[in-house]
Protein backbone atom coordinates (compact mmCIF):
# COMPACT_ATOMS: atom_id res chain seq x y z
CA MET A 1 37.89 15.94 -3.77
CA THR A 2 34.34 17.18 -4.44
CA LYS A 3 33.48 20.35 -2.53
CA VAL A 4 29.90 20.41 -1.18
CA PHE A 5 27.96 23.27 0.40
CA ILE A 6 24.57 22.92 2.08
CA ASP A 7 22.69 26.23 2.02
CA GLY A 8 20.10 25.87 4.74
CA LYS A 9 21.95 23.30 6.85
CA ALA A 10 20.00 24.28 9.97
CA GLY A 11 16.69 22.95 8.62
CA THR A 12 15.40 19.38 8.93
CA THR A 13 16.41 18.31 5.41
CA GLY A 14 19.74 20.14 5.54
CA LEU A 15 20.69 18.53 8.83
CA ARG A 16 19.84 15.05 7.54
CA ILE A 17 21.96 15.62 4.41
CA TYR A 18 24.86 16.87 6.54
CA GLU A 19 24.65 13.82 8.81
CA ARG A 20 24.87 11.52 5.77
CA LEU A 21 27.88 13.33 4.32
CA GLU A 22 30.03 14.47 7.24
CA GLN A 23 31.99 11.21 7.58
CA ARG A 24 32.66 10.67 3.87
CA SER A 25 36.27 10.79 2.73
CA ASP A 26 35.39 11.56 -0.90
CA LEU A 27 33.77 14.90 -0.06
CA GLU A 28 34.84 18.21 1.46
CA LEU A 29 31.96 19.91 3.28
CA LEU A 30 32.11 23.70 3.13
CA THR A 31 30.47 25.37 6.13
CA LEU A 32 29.74 28.85 7.47
CA SER A 33 29.58 30.04 11.05
CA GLU A 34 26.18 30.92 12.51
CA GLU A 35 27.01 34.60 11.99
CA ASP A 36 28.34 34.27 8.44
CA ARG A 37 25.49 32.11 7.12
CA LYS A 38 23.24 35.18 7.45
CA LYS A 39 25.58 37.35 5.35
CA PRO A 40 24.76 37.30 1.60
CA GLU A 41 28.38 37.88 0.61
CA CYS A 42 29.55 34.85 2.63
CA ARG A 43 26.83 32.63 1.22
CA LYS A 44 27.65 33.76 -2.30
CA LEU A 45 31.30 32.89 -1.80
CA MET A 46 30.42 29.34 -0.74
CA LEU A 47 27.78 28.91 -3.43
CA ASN A 48 30.40 29.63 -6.08
CA LYS A 49 33.28 27.81 -4.39
CA ALA A 50 31.41 24.51 -4.17
CA ASP A 51 31.29 21.88 -6.89
CA ILE A 52 27.86 20.77 -5.68
CA VAL A 53 25.36 22.87 -3.74
CA PHE A 54 22.33 21.60 -1.83
CA LEU A 55 19.59 24.19 -1.41
CA CYS A 56 17.47 23.40 1.68
CA LEU A 57 15.54 26.65 1.70
CA PRO A 58 12.04 28.09 1.20
CA ASP A 59 11.14 28.64 -2.46
CA ASP A 60 11.93 32.36 -2.66
CA ALA A 61 15.25 31.91 -0.89
CA ALA A 62 16.16 29.03 -3.21
CA ILE A 63 15.46 31.18 -6.27
CA GLU A 64 17.58 33.95 -4.78
CA ALA A 65 20.42 31.52 -4.06
CA VAL A 66 20.46 30.30 -7.67
CA SER A 67 20.72 33.91 -8.86
CA MET A 68 23.85 34.33 -6.70
CA ILE A 69 25.73 31.54 -8.48
CA ASP A 70 28.11 32.83 -11.16
CA SER A 71 30.28 29.74 -11.54
CA PRO A 72 29.32 27.74 -14.65
CA GLU A 73 30.64 24.57 -13.01
CA THR A 74 28.52 24.58 -9.86
CA ILE A 75 25.86 21.87 -9.77
CA VAL A 76 22.71 22.71 -7.80
CA LEU A 77 20.46 20.20 -6.05
CA ASP A 78 17.37 22.11 -4.94
CA THR A 79 15.14 20.45 -2.33
CA SER A 80 12.51 23.22 -2.47
CA THR A 81 9.38 23.33 -4.64
CA ALA A 82 10.73 26.23 -6.69
CA HIS A 83 12.13 24.42 -9.75
CA ARG A 84 10.43 21.02 -9.92
CA THR A 85 8.27 21.83 -12.93
CA ASN A 86 10.84 24.05 -14.65
CA PRO A 87 11.73 22.32 -17.96
CA GLU A 88 15.25 23.76 -17.78
CA TRP A 89 15.85 21.72 -14.62
CA ALA A 90 16.24 17.95 -14.41
CA TYR A 91 13.72 16.18 -12.20
CA GLY A 92 15.64 14.12 -9.67
CA PHE A 93 13.89 10.73 -9.79
CA PRO A 94 16.35 8.63 -11.84
CA GLU A 95 14.38 5.39 -11.48
CA LEU A 96 11.59 6.70 -13.71
CA SER A 97 13.41 6.44 -17.04
CA ASP A 98 16.80 6.26 -18.74
CA GLU A 99 16.03 9.57 -20.42
CA LEU A 100 15.51 11.26 -17.07
CA LYS A 101 18.64 9.63 -15.68
CA SER A 102 20.66 10.98 -18.61
CA LYS A 103 19.26 14.47 -18.09
CA ILE A 104 20.23 14.35 -14.43
CA MET A 105 23.78 13.30 -15.29
CA SER A 106 24.20 16.10 -17.85
CA SER A 107 22.49 18.90 -15.93
CA LYS A 108 23.86 21.57 -13.63
CA ARG A 109 20.39 22.21 -12.18
CA ILE A 110 18.49 19.35 -10.54
CA ALA A 111 15.24 19.53 -8.57
CA VAL A 112 14.85 17.02 -5.74
CA PRO A 113 11.28 15.59 -5.75
CA GLY A 114 8.73 16.44 -3.05
CA CYS A 115 7.86 13.84 -0.41
CA HIS A 116 4.17 13.24 -1.24
CA ALA A 117 4.83 13.64 -4.95
CA SER A 118 7.54 10.98 -4.96
CA GLY A 119 5.12 8.21 -4.07
CA PHE A 120 2.36 9.35 -6.42
CA ILE A 121 4.73 9.76 -9.35
CA ALA A 122 6.44 6.42 -8.67
CA LEU A 123 3.02 4.75 -8.94
CA VAL A 124 1.38 6.69 -11.78
CA TYR A 125 4.24 7.55 -14.18
CA PRO A 126 5.05 3.93 -15.19
CA LEU A 127 1.40 3.08 -15.92
CA ILE A 128 0.95 6.10 -18.19
CA GLU A 129 4.29 5.35 -19.86
CA ALA A 130 3.14 1.76 -20.51
CA GLY A 131 -0.20 2.89 -21.94
CA ILE A 132 -2.15 1.13 -19.19
CA LEU A 133 -3.42 4.39 -17.66
CA SER A 134 -4.62 7.37 -19.70
CA SER A 135 -3.22 10.85 -19.17
CA GLU A 136 -6.87 11.95 -19.08
CA SER A 137 -7.52 9.87 -15.96
CA LYS A 138 -9.07 11.56 -12.95
CA LEU A 139 -7.10 10.16 -10.05
CA TYR A 140 -7.21 10.15 -6.26
CA CYS A 141 -4.24 10.10 -3.93
CA HIS A 142 -4.20 9.36 -0.21
CA SER A 143 -0.95 10.11 1.62
CA LEU A 144 -0.16 9.47 5.28
CA THR A 145 3.00 11.03 6.70
CA GLY A 146 4.90 11.45 9.94
CA TYR A 147 4.99 14.88 11.55
CA SER A 148 8.67 15.51 10.68
CA GLY A 149 7.44 16.39 7.18
CA GLY A 150 6.18 19.68 8.63
CA GLY A 151 9.68 20.81 9.59
CA LYS A 152 11.02 22.17 12.87
CA LYS A 153 7.85 24.03 13.85
CA MET A 154 5.59 20.98 13.51
CA ILE A 155 8.15 18.68 15.14
CA ALA A 156 8.29 21.01 18.15
CA GLN A 157 4.49 21.13 18.31
CA TYR A 158 4.07 17.36 18.35
CA GLU A 159 6.90 16.77 20.79
CA SER A 160 5.98 19.53 23.25
CA GLU A 161 2.17 19.51 23.21
CA THR A 162 1.90 15.90 24.32
CA ASP A 163 -1.43 16.51 26.08
CA ASN A 164 -3.09 18.02 23.01
CA ALA A 165 -5.83 15.53 22.12
CA LEU A 166 -6.08 16.83 18.54
CA LEU A 167 -2.47 15.85 17.88
CA LYS A 168 -3.04 12.28 19.01
CA ALA A 169 -5.31 11.53 16.05
CA PRO A 170 -4.46 11.79 12.31
CA ARG A 171 -5.09 15.27 10.87
CA GLN A 172 -5.98 15.90 7.24
CA TYR A 173 -4.67 19.06 5.56
CA GLY A 174 -4.38 20.55 2.07
CA LEU A 175 -8.15 20.97 2.29
CA THR A 176 -8.35 23.64 -0.42
CA GLN A 177 -6.84 21.20 -2.97
CA ASN A 178 -4.01 23.64 -3.61
CA HIS A 179 -1.17 21.66 -2.01
CA LYS A 180 2.21 22.73 -3.40
CA HIS A 181 3.04 19.21 -4.64
CA LEU A 182 0.04 19.05 -7.00
CA LYS A 183 1.75 20.91 -9.86
CA GLU A 184 4.65 18.50 -9.71
CA MET A 185 2.39 15.43 -9.55
CA LYS A 186 0.46 16.54 -12.62
CA ALA A 187 3.40 17.80 -14.69
CA ILE A 188 5.86 14.93 -14.20
CA CYS A 189 3.22 12.26 -14.82
CA GLY A 190 1.86 14.14 -17.85
CA LEU A 191 -1.68 14.22 -16.49
CA ASP A 192 -4.32 16.46 -18.04
CA VAL A 193 -5.97 17.23 -14.70
CA TYR A 194 -4.82 17.48 -11.10
CA PRO A 195 -5.57 14.48 -8.88
CA VAL A 196 -7.79 14.79 -5.81
CA PHE A 197 -5.16 14.82 -3.07
CA CYS A 198 -5.74 13.85 0.57
CA PRO A 199 -2.58 14.34 2.68
CA ILE A 200 -2.77 13.34 6.34
CA VAL A 201 -0.23 13.92 9.11
CA SER A 202 -0.21 11.64 12.14
CA ASN A 203 1.48 11.26 15.50
CA PHE A 204 4.65 9.41 14.48
CA TYR A 205 8.01 10.95 13.64
CA SER A 206 8.75 9.79 10.11
CA GLY A 207 7.56 7.48 7.38
CA MET A 208 5.11 7.76 4.52
CA GLU A 209 2.52 5.66 2.76
CA VAL A 210 1.02 6.92 -0.51
CA THR A 211 -1.97 5.13 -2.01
CA VAL A 212 -3.59 5.59 -5.43
CA PRO A 213 -6.88 3.61 -5.70
CA LEU A 214 -8.05 2.52 -9.15
CA PHE A 215 -11.00 0.77 -10.75
CA MET A 216 -9.63 -1.82 -13.16
CA SER A 217 -12.35 -0.75 -15.60
CA ASP A 218 -10.64 2.66 -15.84
CA LEU A 219 -7.48 1.08 -17.23
CA LYS A 220 -6.70 -0.06 -20.76
CA LYS A 221 -9.13 -2.81 -21.74
CA GLY A 222 -7.79 -6.26 -20.94
CA THR A 223 -5.34 -5.07 -18.29
CA SER A 224 -4.91 -7.47 -15.37
CA VAL A 225 -3.47 -6.97 -11.91
CA GLU A 226 -0.48 -9.05 -13.03
CA ASP A 227 0.09 -6.61 -15.90
CA ILE A 228 0.38 -3.75 -13.42
CA ILE A 229 2.72 -5.74 -11.18
CA SER A 230 4.87 -6.64 -14.19
CA VAL A 231 5.30 -2.96 -15.09
CA TYR A 232 6.55 -2.15 -11.60
CA LYS A 233 8.81 -5.20 -11.36
CA ASN A 234 10.49 -4.30 -14.65
CA LYS A 235 10.77 -0.62 -13.76
CA TYR A 236 11.90 -0.82 -10.15
CA THR A 237 14.71 -3.32 -9.75
CA GLY A 238 16.44 -1.69 -6.76
CA PRO A 239 18.50 -1.01 -4.85
CA VAL A 240 16.65 2.21 -3.92
CA VAL A 241 13.19 1.56 -5.40
CA SER A 242 11.85 -1.97 -5.67
CA TYR A 243 8.61 -3.94 -5.91
CA SER A 244 7.29 -6.15 -3.13
CA ASP A 245 3.83 -7.55 -2.46
CA SER A 246 4.57 -8.03 1.24
CA CYS A 247 2.63 -6.30 3.98
CA ASP A 248 2.58 -6.27 7.77
CA GLU A 249 1.40 -9.24 9.75
CA GLY A 250 -2.39 -9.36 9.73
CA GLY A 251 -2.75 -7.91 6.24
CA MET A 252 -2.05 -4.30 7.24
CA LEU A 253 0.30 -1.61 5.98
CA SER A 254 2.10 0.76 8.33
CA ALA A 255 3.15 4.22 7.18
CA ALA A 256 6.08 3.90 9.60
CA ASP A 257 7.34 0.71 7.95
CA MET A 258 10.21 2.51 6.16
CA SER A 259 10.98 5.07 8.85
CA LEU A 260 14.66 6.14 8.81
CA LYS A 261 15.24 4.22 5.55
CA ASP A 262 16.24 5.78 2.23
CA SER A 263 14.58 3.22 -0.05
CA MET A 264 11.03 2.86 -1.38
CA ILE A 265 8.77 -0.18 -1.71
CA VAL A 266 6.07 -0.19 -4.39
CA SER A 267 3.19 -2.68 -4.05
CA VAL A 268 -0.15 -3.59 -5.60
CA PHE A 269 -3.09 -4.95 -3.61
CA GLY A 270 -6.71 -5.70 -4.44
CA ASN A 271 -8.49 -7.78 -7.07
CA GLU A 272 -9.56 -7.73 -10.72
CA GLU A 273 -12.20 -5.07 -9.99
CA ARG A 274 -10.38 -2.61 -7.70
CA VAL A 275 -6.72 -2.15 -6.83
CA LEU A 276 -4.64 -0.15 -4.41
CA LEU A 277 -1.28 1.08 -5.69
CA THR A 278 0.98 1.82 -2.73
CA ALA A 279 4.40 3.32 -2.10
CA ARG A 280 6.06 3.11 1.31
CA TYR A 281 9.16 5.13 2.18
CA ASP A 282 10.42 7.76 4.61
CA ASN A 283 9.35 11.36 4.07
CA LEU A 284 12.88 12.33 5.20
CA GLY A 285 14.54 9.56 3.16
CA LYS A 286 13.52 8.92 -0.45
CA GLY A 287 11.06 11.75 0.15
CA ALA A 288 13.77 14.33 0.88
CA SER A 289 17.40 14.08 2.07
CA GLY A 290 17.91 10.45 1.04
CA ALA A 291 16.85 11.27 -2.51
CA ALA A 292 19.21 14.27 -2.54
CA VAL A 293 22.18 12.14 -1.43
CA GLU A 294 21.30 9.48 -4.02
CA LEU A 295 21.56 12.19 -6.69
CA LEU A 296 24.91 13.35 -5.31
CA ASN A 297 26.17 9.78 -5.54
CA MET A 298 25.10 9.54 -9.17
CA ILE A 299 26.79 12.79 -10.09
CA THR A 300 30.08 12.01 -8.35
CA GLY A 301 30.24 8.38 -9.52
CA ALA A 302 30.03 6.99 -6.00
CA LYS A 303 28.14 3.83 -5.18
CA ILE A 304 24.46 4.75 -5.51
CA THR A 305 23.74 3.68 -1.92
CA GLU A 306 26.79 5.37 -0.36
CA GLY A 307 25.74 7.06 2.87
CA LEU A 308 22.18 5.72 2.58
CA ASP A 309 20.33 3.27 4.79
CA ILE A 310 18.61 0.90 2.37
């Protein structure tokens, strides 16, 4: 039976991973008491005892945790930002390519993608790979997310300050254009420059909608909207990531459409002059804990959707 330890189980992502795994008969969850989880020696014991470790920690703590692992057999799935652009780590988005999938399967160190970055990369990577979009492109990314993406502190703020008028409207952040996901977005897609990134948090619990707008004239000459759709349909065949041109009734898209789901829907809207590339998913699902559990399933040979809500 595969032994699993979640370092940082008390956080939002850690709790969601634990909830997905606690009833599984193919796994043994290793846990620490509230007192012991604060003791380095107890954490180190579990980190080395486990076959697979989830790190649900701030960056510095995740780096420290990796340094505590002596066992050459322990596989690490890190949900922090710390290792996502480290070439020695596999990037945990298996749908992007067979090469990446193979690296995930052969690696002991795997970085779970960031929530905003997952949508952007899902949209941009295939077009650069297909030669439709240049790596020199100067791109824009608009991302709307539920407040659970801000962790326990932001969740408490939204759910306790119900009379705060500022929280009732969408709030843009990352205003300095130094958001921590930018390095990942640029590196994994192979872009020459960082995109202009506009993340927005709004008054709903979970869900995410990432949009990359493009002028068709900025793409490879002769490219049609159908060419773009064809790339996505061939790349994303499910069950976790798939293409669909559906939208809400009335021609609208809701960022809460995939709330509490672990899958992602990629779509293309627009015309032969301007298009909107969109990815809808849950910031806590394919954007975090769902993606981590999908990777666990791959590694252990379980059904890829085991424990996931697709």
